[in-house]
Protein backbone atom coordinates (compact mmCIF):
# COMPACT_ATOMS: atom_id res chain seq x y z
CA MET A 1 209.05 102.70 71.30
CA SER A 2 205.97 100.56 71.77
CA GLN A 3 204.40 100.08 75.17
CA ARG A 4 205.00 96.35 75.02
CA ILE A 5 208.74 96.77 74.47
CA GLU A 6 209.07 99.31 77.26
CA TRP A 7 207.49 97.15 79.91
CA ILE A 8 209.46 94.08 78.83
CA ASP A 9 212.70 96.03 79.16
CA CYS A 10 211.49 97.13 82.59
CA TRP A 11 210.69 93.50 83.44
CA LYS A 12 214.21 92.49 82.49
CA GLY A 13 215.55 95.27 84.68
CA LEU A 14 213.61 93.97 87.67
CA ALA A 15 214.80 90.44 86.86
CA ILE A 16 218.50 91.34 86.84
CA ILE A 17 218.10 93.33 90.06
CA THR A 18 216.72 90.20 91.75
CA VAL A 19 219.78 88.27 90.57
CA VAL A 20 222.21 90.83 92.00
CA VAL A 21 220.26 91.19 95.26
CA GLY A 22 220.03 87.41 95.56
CA HIS A 23 223.82 87.11 95.45
CA ILE A 24 224.53 89.97 97.86
CA VAL A 25 221.72 90.45 100.39
CA ASN A 26 221.84 87.33 102.54
CA PRO A 27 218.60 87.75 104.52
CA VAL A 28 216.45 87.64 101.38
CA SER A 29 218.59 85.53 99.05
CA LYS A 30 216.75 82.29 99.80
CA TYR A 31 213.40 83.80 98.82
CA ILE A 32 214.74 85.43 95.68
CA PHE A 33 216.23 82.10 94.61
CA TRP A 34 212.70 80.70 94.59
CA PHE A 35 211.93 82.58 91.38
CA HIS A 36 214.80 84.67 89.93
CA MET A 37 216.25 82.12 87.49
CA PRO A 38 212.85 80.66 86.48
CA LEU A 39 211.97 84.29 85.75
CA PHE A 40 214.73 84.59 83.15
CA PHE A 41 213.69 81.37 81.41
CA PHE A 42 210.07 82.55 81.52
CA ILE A 43 210.92 85.89 79.91
CA SER A 44 213.00 84.19 77.23
CA GLY A 45 210.07 81.91 76.50
CA TYR A 46 207.76 84.93 76.42
CA LEU A 47 209.89 86.36 73.62
CA TYR A 48 210.14 83.11 71.68
CA SER A 49 209.01 82.83 68.06
CA LYS A 50 209.09 79.65 66.03
CA LYS A 51 212.13 79.05 63.80
CA THR A 52 211.84 76.30 61.21
CA ASP A 53 215.41 76.73 59.94
CA TYR A 54 217.17 74.78 62.70
CA SER A 55 220.64 75.40 61.34
CA ALA A 56 220.19 79.18 61.15
CA PHE A 57 218.66 79.27 64.62
CA PHE A 58 221.51 77.22 66.04
CA GLN A 59 224.11 79.47 64.41
CA LYS A 60 222.36 82.63 65.59
CA LYS A 61 222.28 81.45 69.19
CA CYS A 62 225.89 80.28 69.05
CA PHE A 63 226.86 83.86 68.19
CA HIS A 64 224.51 85.49 70.68
CA LEU A 65 225.13 83.19 73.63
CA LEU A 66 228.23 81.03 73.24
CA VAL A 67 230.63 83.63 71.83
CA PRO A 68 230.14 85.92 74.89
CA TYR A 69 230.19 82.84 77.14
CA PHE A 70 233.65 81.76 75.99
CA SER A 71 234.91 85.36 75.80
CA PHE A 72 234.03 86.03 79.43
CA LEU A 73 235.19 82.55 80.45
CA PHE A 74 238.61 83.16 78.91
CA LEU A 75 238.89 86.71 80.29
CA PHE A 76 237.93 85.79 83.86
CA THR A 77 240.09 82.65 83.85
CA LEU A 78 243.05 84.73 82.72
CA LEU A 79 242.43 87.37 85.38
CA GLN A 80 242.10 84.81 88.14
CA TYR A 81 244.73 82.23 87.31
CA LEU A 82 247.52 84.12 85.51
CA PRO A 83 248.62 86.05 88.65
CA LEU A 84 248.54 82.78 90.59
CA ILE A 85 250.71 81.03 87.99
CA ILE A 86 253.20 83.92 87.88
CA ASP A 87 253.44 84.02 91.68
CA SER A 88 253.88 80.24 91.91
CA TRP A 89 256.58 80.35 89.23
CA GLN A 90 258.46 83.11 91.00
CA GLN A 91 258.32 81.23 94.31
CA LYS A 92 259.50 78.03 92.60
CA LYS A 93 256.27 76.21 93.44
CA ILE A 94 256.05 75.59 89.71
CA SER A 95 259.61 75.09 88.56
CA SER A 96 259.23 73.44 85.16
CA ILE A 97 257.02 73.37 82.10
CA ASP A 98 255.85 69.86 83.03
CA LYS A 99 254.64 71.05 86.43
CA LEU A 100 253.00 74.05 84.79
CA ILE A 101 251.09 71.75 82.44
CA VAL A 102 250.05 69.52 85.34
CA PHE A 103 248.71 72.64 87.08
CA ILE A 104 246.92 74.06 84.04
CA ILE A 105 245.20 70.95 82.65
CA PRO A 106 242.78 70.50 85.60
CA VAL A 107 241.94 74.20 85.44
CA ILE A 108 241.19 74.03 81.72
CA TRP A 109 239.12 70.88 82.17
CA LYS A 110 237.05 72.45 84.96
CA GLN A 111 236.41 75.61 82.95
CA VAL A 112 235.46 73.75 79.77
CA TYR A 113 233.21 71.28 81.65
CA GLY A 114 231.38 74.25 83.14
CA GLY A 115 228.04 73.94 84.86
CA ALA A 116 227.94 73.60 88.65
CA ASN A 117 231.75 73.24 88.66
CA LEU A 118 232.03 76.97 88.09
CA VAL A 119 231.74 79.11 91.22
CA LEU A 120 232.48 82.63 92.51
CA TRP A 121 233.35 84.80 89.47
CA PHE A 122 231.90 82.11 87.20
CA GLY A 123 228.88 81.34 89.37
CA VAL A 124 226.19 82.30 86.83
CA PHE A 125 227.84 80.86 83.71
CA TRP A 126 225.70 77.73 83.97
CA PHE A 127 222.64 79.81 83.07
CA VAL A 128 223.96 80.76 79.64
CA THR A 129 224.68 77.22 78.48
CA CYS A 130 221.45 75.95 80.00
CA LEU A 131 219.51 78.69 78.20
CA PHE A 132 221.22 77.82 74.91
CA PHE A 133 220.18 74.15 75.09
CA THR A 134 216.71 75.05 76.36
CA GLN A 135 216.12 77.32 73.38
CA GLN A 136 217.34 74.74 70.90
CA LEU A 137 215.33 71.89 72.40
CA TYR A 138 212.16 73.93 72.81
CA ASN A 139 212.27 75.18 69.23
CA LEU A 140 212.69 71.61 67.98
CA ILE A 141 209.78 70.39 70.10
CA TYR A 142 207.52 73.30 69.25
CA VAL A 143 208.10 73.10 65.51
CA LYS A 144 207.27 69.38 65.59
CA PHE A 145 204.43 69.29 68.13
CA GLY A 146 203.41 72.88 68.90
CA SER A 147 200.06 72.59 67.17
CA ASN A 148 199.01 69.85 69.60
CA ASN A 149 198.44 71.62 72.93
CA TRP A 150 197.73 68.45 74.92
CA LEU A 151 200.86 66.77 73.65
CA MET A 152 202.90 69.85 74.58
CA ILE A 153 201.46 69.73 78.09
CA LYS A 154 202.42 66.06 78.38
CA ILE A 155 205.95 66.77 77.12
CA MET A 156 206.42 69.57 79.65
CA LEU A 157 205.07 67.43 82.49
CA GLY A 158 207.46 64.69 81.40
CA SER A 159 210.32 67.18 81.41
CA TYR A 160 209.39 68.29 84.92
CA CYS A 161 209.25 64.66 86.08
CA LEU A 162 212.75 64.10 84.68
CA ALA A 163 213.96 67.17 86.58
CA MET A 164 212.48 65.86 89.83
CA MET A 165 214.04 62.42 89.22
CA ASN A 166 217.36 64.20 88.78
CA TYR A 167 216.71 66.01 92.08
CA PHE A 168 215.87 62.88 94.03
CA TYR A 169 218.29 60.35 92.53
CA LEU A 170 221.14 62.16 90.72
CA LYS A 171 221.43 65.37 92.71
CA ASN A 172 225.16 65.01 93.33
CA VAL A 173 226.05 64.26 89.69
CA VAL A 174 227.63 67.26 87.96
CA PHE A 175 226.61 67.36 84.30
CA PRO A 176 228.63 69.32 81.72
CA TRP A 177 227.29 72.83 81.15
CA ASN A 178 224.40 72.02 83.55
CA ILE A 179 222.61 70.45 80.62
CA ASN A 180 220.48 68.44 83.08
CA VAL A 181 218.85 71.66 84.33
CA VAL A 182 217.24 72.02 80.89
CA ALA A 183 214.63 69.56 82.18
CA MET A 184 213.50 72.14 84.77
CA ALA A 185 214.05 75.18 82.56
CA LEU A 186 211.97 73.84 79.68
CA PRO A 187 208.58 74.01 81.48
CA PHE A 188 209.22 77.60 82.59
CA TYR A 189 210.26 78.50 79.04
CA TRP A 190 207.06 76.91 77.72
CA LEU A 191 204.91 78.70 80.32
CA GLY A 192 206.47 81.98 79.23
CA HIS A 193 205.67 81.24 75.61
CA MET A 194 202.09 80.32 76.49
CA ALA A 195 201.77 83.46 78.61
CA ALA A 196 202.71 85.61 75.61
CA LYS A 197 199.57 84.33 73.91
CA SER A 198 197.31 85.20 76.84
CA PHE A 199 195.80 88.62 77.44
CA LEU A 200 195.71 87.94 81.19
CA ILE A 201 199.43 88.38 81.76
CA ASN A 202 199.39 91.68 79.86
CA SER A 203 196.53 93.00 81.97
CA LYS A 204 197.27 95.73 84.51
CA THR A 205 194.51 94.51 86.84
CA LEU A 206 195.82 94.32 90.40
CA ILE A 207 194.07 91.05 91.29
CA PHE A 208 196.91 88.96 89.83
CA LEU A 209 199.52 91.01 91.68
CA ILE A 210 197.58 90.55 94.93
CA ILE A 211 197.23 86.79 94.38
CA GLY A 212 200.94 86.50 93.61
CA ILE A 213 201.87 88.42 96.76
CA ILE A 214 199.55 86.31 98.93
CA ILE A 215 201.03 83.07 97.59
CA PHE A 216 204.59 84.28 98.04
CA LEU A 217 204.05 85.62 101.57
CA THR A 218 202.27 82.40 102.56
CA ALA A 219 205.24 80.40 101.29
CA MET A 220 207.62 82.58 103.29
CA LEU A 221 205.55 82.01 106.43
CA LEU A 222 205.39 78.24 105.93
CA ASP A 223 209.14 78.12 105.35
CA THR A 224 209.89 80.34 108.35
CA VAL A 225 207.92 78.12 110.75
CA SER A 226 209.47 75.03 109.11
CA LEU A 227 206.19 73.50 107.96
CA LEU A 228 207.73 73.24 104.49
CA HIS A 229 211.38 73.36 103.45
CA LEU A 230 211.22 75.32 100.22
CA ASN A 231 214.83 75.48 99.06
CA PHE A 232 215.02 76.08 95.32
CA ASN A 233 218.26 76.47 93.37
CA MET A 234 218.32 75.55 89.70
CA LYS A 235 222.09 75.50 89.43
CA SER A 236 222.45 72.82 92.12
CA THR A 237 219.28 70.98 90.99
CA SER A 238 217.59 71.62 94.33
CA TYR A 239 213.95 71.81 93.32
CA GLY A 240 212.15 71.92 96.65
CA VAL A 241 208.66 70.52 97.17
CA LEU A 242 206.93 68.81 94.25
CA ILE A 243 204.70 71.29 92.34
CA VAL A 244 204.67 73.73 95.30
CA ASN A 245 207.95 75.40 94.33
CA VAL A 246 206.75 75.78 90.74
CA ILE A 247 203.67 77.64 91.99
CA ILE A 248 205.86 79.84 94.20
CA ALA A 249 208.19 80.59 91.27
CA LEU A 250 205.20 81.55 89.13
CA SER A 251 203.92 83.85 91.89
CA GLY A 252 207.29 85.65 91.91
CA ILE A 253 207.20 85.88 88.12
CA ILE A 254 203.70 87.37 88.22
CA ILE A 255 204.70 89.90 90.88
CA THR A 256 207.68 91.17 88.86
CA GLN A 257 205.67 91.22 85.64
CA LYS A 258 202.84 93.24 87.14
CA LEU A 259 205.33 95.62 88.73
CA ALA A 260 206.95 96.09 85.32
CA LEU A 261 203.58 97.00 83.80
CA LEU A 262 202.95 99.49 86.59
CA LEU A 263 206.43 101.07 86.62
CA HIS A 264 207.62 101.12 83.00
CA ASN A 265 206.19 104.58 82.22
CA LYS A 266 207.06 106.19 85.55
CA PRO A 267 209.61 109.00 85.41
CA TYR A 268 213.12 108.08 86.47
CA ILE A 269 212.41 104.63 87.93
CA GLY A 270 211.01 103.36 84.62
CA THR A 271 214.01 104.71 82.73
CA VAL A 272 216.47 103.17 85.19
CA LEU A 273 214.77 99.77 85.01
CA ARG A 274 214.66 99.82 81.21
CA GLU A 275 218.35 100.71 81.01
CA LEU A 276 219.27 97.91 83.40
CA GLY A 277 217.11 95.57 81.35
CA SER A 278 218.99 96.47 78.17
CA ALA A 279 222.26 95.59 79.95
CA SER A 280 220.88 92.46 81.64
CA MET A 281 223.26 89.90 80.13
CA ILE A 282 226.38 91.96 80.76
CA ILE A 283 225.25 92.53 84.34
CA MET A 284 224.62 88.78 84.60
CA TYR A 285 228.24 88.07 83.70
CA LEU A 286 229.86 90.92 85.60
CA HIS A 287 227.98 91.26 88.86
CA GLN A 288 229.71 88.38 90.66
CA PRO A 289 233.34 89.40 90.03
CA ILE A 290 232.43 93.03 90.74
CA GLN A 291 230.58 92.40 94.00
CA ILE A 292 233.25 89.95 95.19
CA THR A 293 235.97 92.52 94.44
CA ILE A 294 234.34 95.64 95.90
CA LYS A 295 233.12 94.08 99.14
CA SER A 296 236.65 94.37 100.55
CA TYR A 297 236.18 98.17 100.60
CA PRO A 298 234.48 99.47 103.77
CA ILE A 299 231.93 101.60 101.92
CA PHE A 300 230.55 98.49 100.24
CA ALA A 301 230.22 96.56 103.50
CA VAL A 302 226.62 97.79 103.57
CA GLN A 303 224.75 95.32 101.38
CA GLY A 304 222.42 97.91 99.87
CA ILE A 305 225.34 100.07 98.76
CA SER A 306 227.08 96.98 97.37
CA VAL A 307 224.00 96.19 95.26
CA ILE A 308 223.86 99.73 93.86
CA GLY A 309 227.61 99.83 93.25
CA THR A 310 227.57 96.49 91.46
CA LEU A 311 224.71 97.54 89.20
CA VAL A 312 226.25 100.94 88.39
CA ILE A 313 229.72 99.56 87.61
CA SER A 314 228.27 96.74 85.50
CA TYR A 315 226.11 99.20 83.56
CA ILE A 316 229.04 101.54 82.88
CA ILE A 317 231.08 98.62 81.53
CA TYR A 318 228.11 97.63 79.36
CA LYS A 319 227.98 101.11 77.82
CA ILE A 320 231.71 100.95 77.08
CA ILE A 321 231.37 97.53 75.47
CA PHE A 322 228.39 98.65 73.41
CA ASN A 323 230.35 101.51 71.82
CA TYR A 324 233.08 99.32 70.27
CA SER A 325 232.24 96.82 67.54
CA ILE A 326 234.88 94.23 68.44
CA MET A 327 233.77 94.30 72.08
CA ARG A 328 230.12 93.98 71.06
CA GLN A 329 231.01 90.93 69.04
CA LEU A 330 233.05 89.26 71.77
CA PHE A 331 231.00 90.13 74.84
CA LEU A 332 227.51 90.76 73.47
CA GLY A 333 227.53 88.34 70.57
CA ASP A 334 226.46 91.20 68.35
CA PHE A 335 227.67 90.71 64.78
CA SER A 336 225.10 93.01 63.19
CA THR A 337 225.90 95.77 60.71
CA PRO A 338 226.24 99.43 61.77
CA ASN A 339 222.79 100.19 60.30
CA ALA A 340 221.27 97.36 62.28
CA LYS A 341 223.00 98.68 65.37
CA LEU A 342 221.46 102.13 64.90
CA SER A 343 218.04 100.61 64.40
CA ARG A 344 218.41 98.45 67.48
CA THR A 345 219.66 101.39 69.57
CA SER A 346 216.66 103.51 68.61
CA ALA A 347 214.44 100.67 69.72
CA SER A 348 216.40 100.30 72.98
CA GLN A 349 217.21 96.72 72.10
CA SER A 350 213.73 95.26 71.96
CA GLY A 351 214.60 91.73 73.01
CA LEU A 352 216.53 90.52 76.03
CA THR A 353 219.91 91.98 75.14
CA GLN A 354 221.91 89.49 73.06
CA GLY A 355 221.38 86.47 75.25
CA ILE A 356 217.66 86.67 75.91
CA ARG A 357 216.37 88.55 72.93
CA LYS A 358 213.35 87.56 70.87
CA ASN A 359 214.33 84.20 69.42
C-alpha cells in the first residue's frame, strides 16, 4: 500500500474518532464540534477528482451514498417504531387501521424529509445527504469554472456568505435533507481539493502542527473566558463568529492531518486508526444507536469506556457487513464485482469507504 493511502486511512480513523467522542464526551464535545464535520468535508474534497460525465457521477454517488442512507433509515425506523406500534395496538391506543395510518404518516414524512428533523439514532444522517449534494454541486462548478482560480475563490466566498445569511436570518428554518448546509460545506470541500494540490499539507514539518495547536488553544481560552462565543454546529446551521470559526476549523483539520502523517506507520496505533478509517461510514451510521443503547449498562457509564465500546462494536458490525455481498450493497453501497472487491481489500479501501471515497 502506498504511503499516501496509509496516512489518509489513518486521517479518516482520527476523524471518525472525533465524531464518536464529540457525541459521548460532554466536556470536550463543544470543541470537537468546531472542526469534526468540516474535517469530513475537507477529506472528501481532498480525494476529489473531476468527473465530466455528470450522469455517471450522479449514479455512482446514488449507489455509494443514498442506497446505504435509505437502508439504514428504513432499518432504524423499523427498530424504533415497530415495537411502539405493536405496544400501542395491544393496549388499544391504536385500535383501527385509520388510526394506525394517522400515526404512521407523520413518522414517514419526518424520516423522508430528513435533515435536522432527524435526531438520536438518526442524528448524523444529515451529513450523508449534505455530502451527496456537495459533491454533485462542486463537480458541476469545478468542471465549468475550475480552470479560473479567482472565479472559484469568488464562488466559494459567495457560498460562505450564503451560509452566514442562512445563519443570521433563516436559522430556524428546517430544510429537507439539510440541503442548506451545502453552502457551508462547499468551501471546506474546495479547500480540501486545493490542499491536495499543495505540498505543504503533505509535509511532516511540525511548524504547521504547532501553529494549528496554538490557534485552537487560543480559541478555547477566548471561549472559556467568554470573550468570544464560538459555537459551531453544521447540522443546526450555527456557524459562530464570521471567518473566525472557519480558521478554527482549519486549525483542527491541520492538527488531525499532521497527526495522521506522524502516526500512520506506527505499530499498533497506526493499524488501529487505518482500520477505523476503512470503517468510517459504517461507524458514522452506527455509533449513535450503539452509544445510546449501551449507556444504560453500568460499565459504559464511564465515557471513555463508552467511546471504546462504541467503536469496537461498530467495527465488528462493519466486518460482518463487508463479508456478505447483499449487505455490502445495502449498507456500504458497494455494487462492485468480486474481483473488484479483492482488489479493493488488498488496497485497504483506498478512498473514504463507500461514502467518502475518491470521487
